[in-house]
Amino acid sequence: MISSQPFFISGIADEAEARASAFGATGMFLFTFLGSLGGIWYDANHKSEDLDGEESEYHLQSDAVPTYGTSS
């Protein structure tokens, strides 16, 4: 689009530099996105709830939560 219709994008002096910046930004986005997906996968597969010890009695139970007058 830069070479065929440059009037849509103002302020670009060097086509090659703009192309390199666009590919660099795409690469950074993909790296961050794939890293985030990897972190989500790791957290989902390596959960451990240690219910032994003195903190075990402080966990909330989902069935004991009051509805406070709501219909659900």
Protein backbone atom coordinates (compact mmCIF):
# COMPACT_ATOMS: atom_id res chain seq x y z
CA MET A 1 0.00 0.00 0.00
CA ILE A 2 2.92 2.32 0.65
CA SER A 3 4.24 1.97 -2.90
CA SER A 4 0.92 1.78 -4.74
CA GLN A 5 -1.18 4.34 -2.80
CA PRO A 6 1.14 6.49 -0.69
CA PHE A 7 -1.40 9.34 -0.42
CA PHE A 8 -3.33 7.29 2.18
CA ILE A 9 -0.33 7.24 4.53
CA SER A 10 1.30 10.59 5.18
CA GLY A 11 4.64 11.27 6.80
CA ILE A 12 6.63 8.33 5.41
CA ALA A 13 9.93 9.44 3.94
CA ASP A 14 11.62 6.06 3.36
CA GLU A 15 9.65 3.05 2.06
CA ALA A 16 12.27 0.49 3.06
CA GLU A 17 12.47 1.77 6.61
CA ALA A 18 8.67 1.77 6.93
CA ARG A 19 8.53 -1.81 5.63
CA ALA A 20 11.22 -2.93 8.09
CA SER A 21 9.40 -1.21 10.96
CA ALA A 22 6.13 -2.90 10.02
CA PHE A 23 7.75 -6.34 9.92
CA GLY A 24 9.51 -5.65 13.21
CA ALA A 25 6.24 -4.63 14.87
CA THR A 26 4.53 -7.74 13.49
CA GLY A 27 7.33 -9.93 14.83
CA MET A 28 7.15 -8.31 18.25
CA PHE A 29 3.37 -8.79 18.34
CA LEU A 30 3.65 -12.46 17.39
CA PHE A 31 6.36 -13.06 19.99
CA THR A 32 4.26 -11.43 22.71
CA PHE A 33 1.07 -13.20 21.62
CA LEU A 34 2.70 -16.64 21.50
CA GLY A 35 4.42 -15.99 24.83
CA SER A 36 1.07 -15.08 26.37
CA LEU A 37 -0.54 -18.22 24.98
CA GLY A 38 2.34 -20.27 26.36
CA GLY A 39 1.92 -18.67 29.78
CA ILE A 40 -1.82 -19.34 29.79
CA TRP A 41 -1.22 -22.96 28.79
CA TYR A 42 1.46 -23.38 31.46
CA ASP A 43 -0.75 -21.92 34.19
CA ALA A 44 -3.69 -24.08 33.15
CA ASN A 45 -1.61 -27.29 33.23
CA HIS A 46 0.44 -26.62 36.36
CA LYS A 47 -2.16 -25.52 38.89
CA SER A 48 -1.68 -26.81 42.37
CA GLU A 49 -3.97 -26.06 45.25
CA ASP A 50 -2.34 -26.92 48.52
CA LEU A 51 -5.22 -27.34 50.94
CA ASP A 52 -3.09 -28.73 53.74
CA GLY A 53 -2.07 -26.35 56.47
CA GLU A 54 -3.64 -23.51 58.37
CA GLU A 55 -4.81 -21.56 55.30
CA SER A 56 -7.05 -24.38 54.08
CA GLU A 57 -10.00 -23.23 56.18
CA TYR A 58 -10.06 -19.78 54.55
CA HIS A 59 -11.06 -20.85 51.03
CA LEU A 60 -14.49 -19.67 49.89
CA GLN A 61 -16.99 -22.28 48.85
CA SER A 62 -18.90 -21.46 45.68
CA ASP A 63 -22.13 -23.12 46.84
CA ALA A 64 -22.20 -21.14 50.12
CA VAL A 65 -22.21 -17.68 48.51
CA PRO A 66 -25.47 -15.84 49.24
CA THR A 67 -27.43 -14.33 46.35
CA TYR A 68 -28.58 -11.22 48.30
CA GLY A 69 -32.05 -11.20 46.76
CA THR A 70 -31.06 -11.69 43.14
CA SER A 71 -32.89 -14.16 40.96
CA SER A 72 -29.84 -16.30 40.17
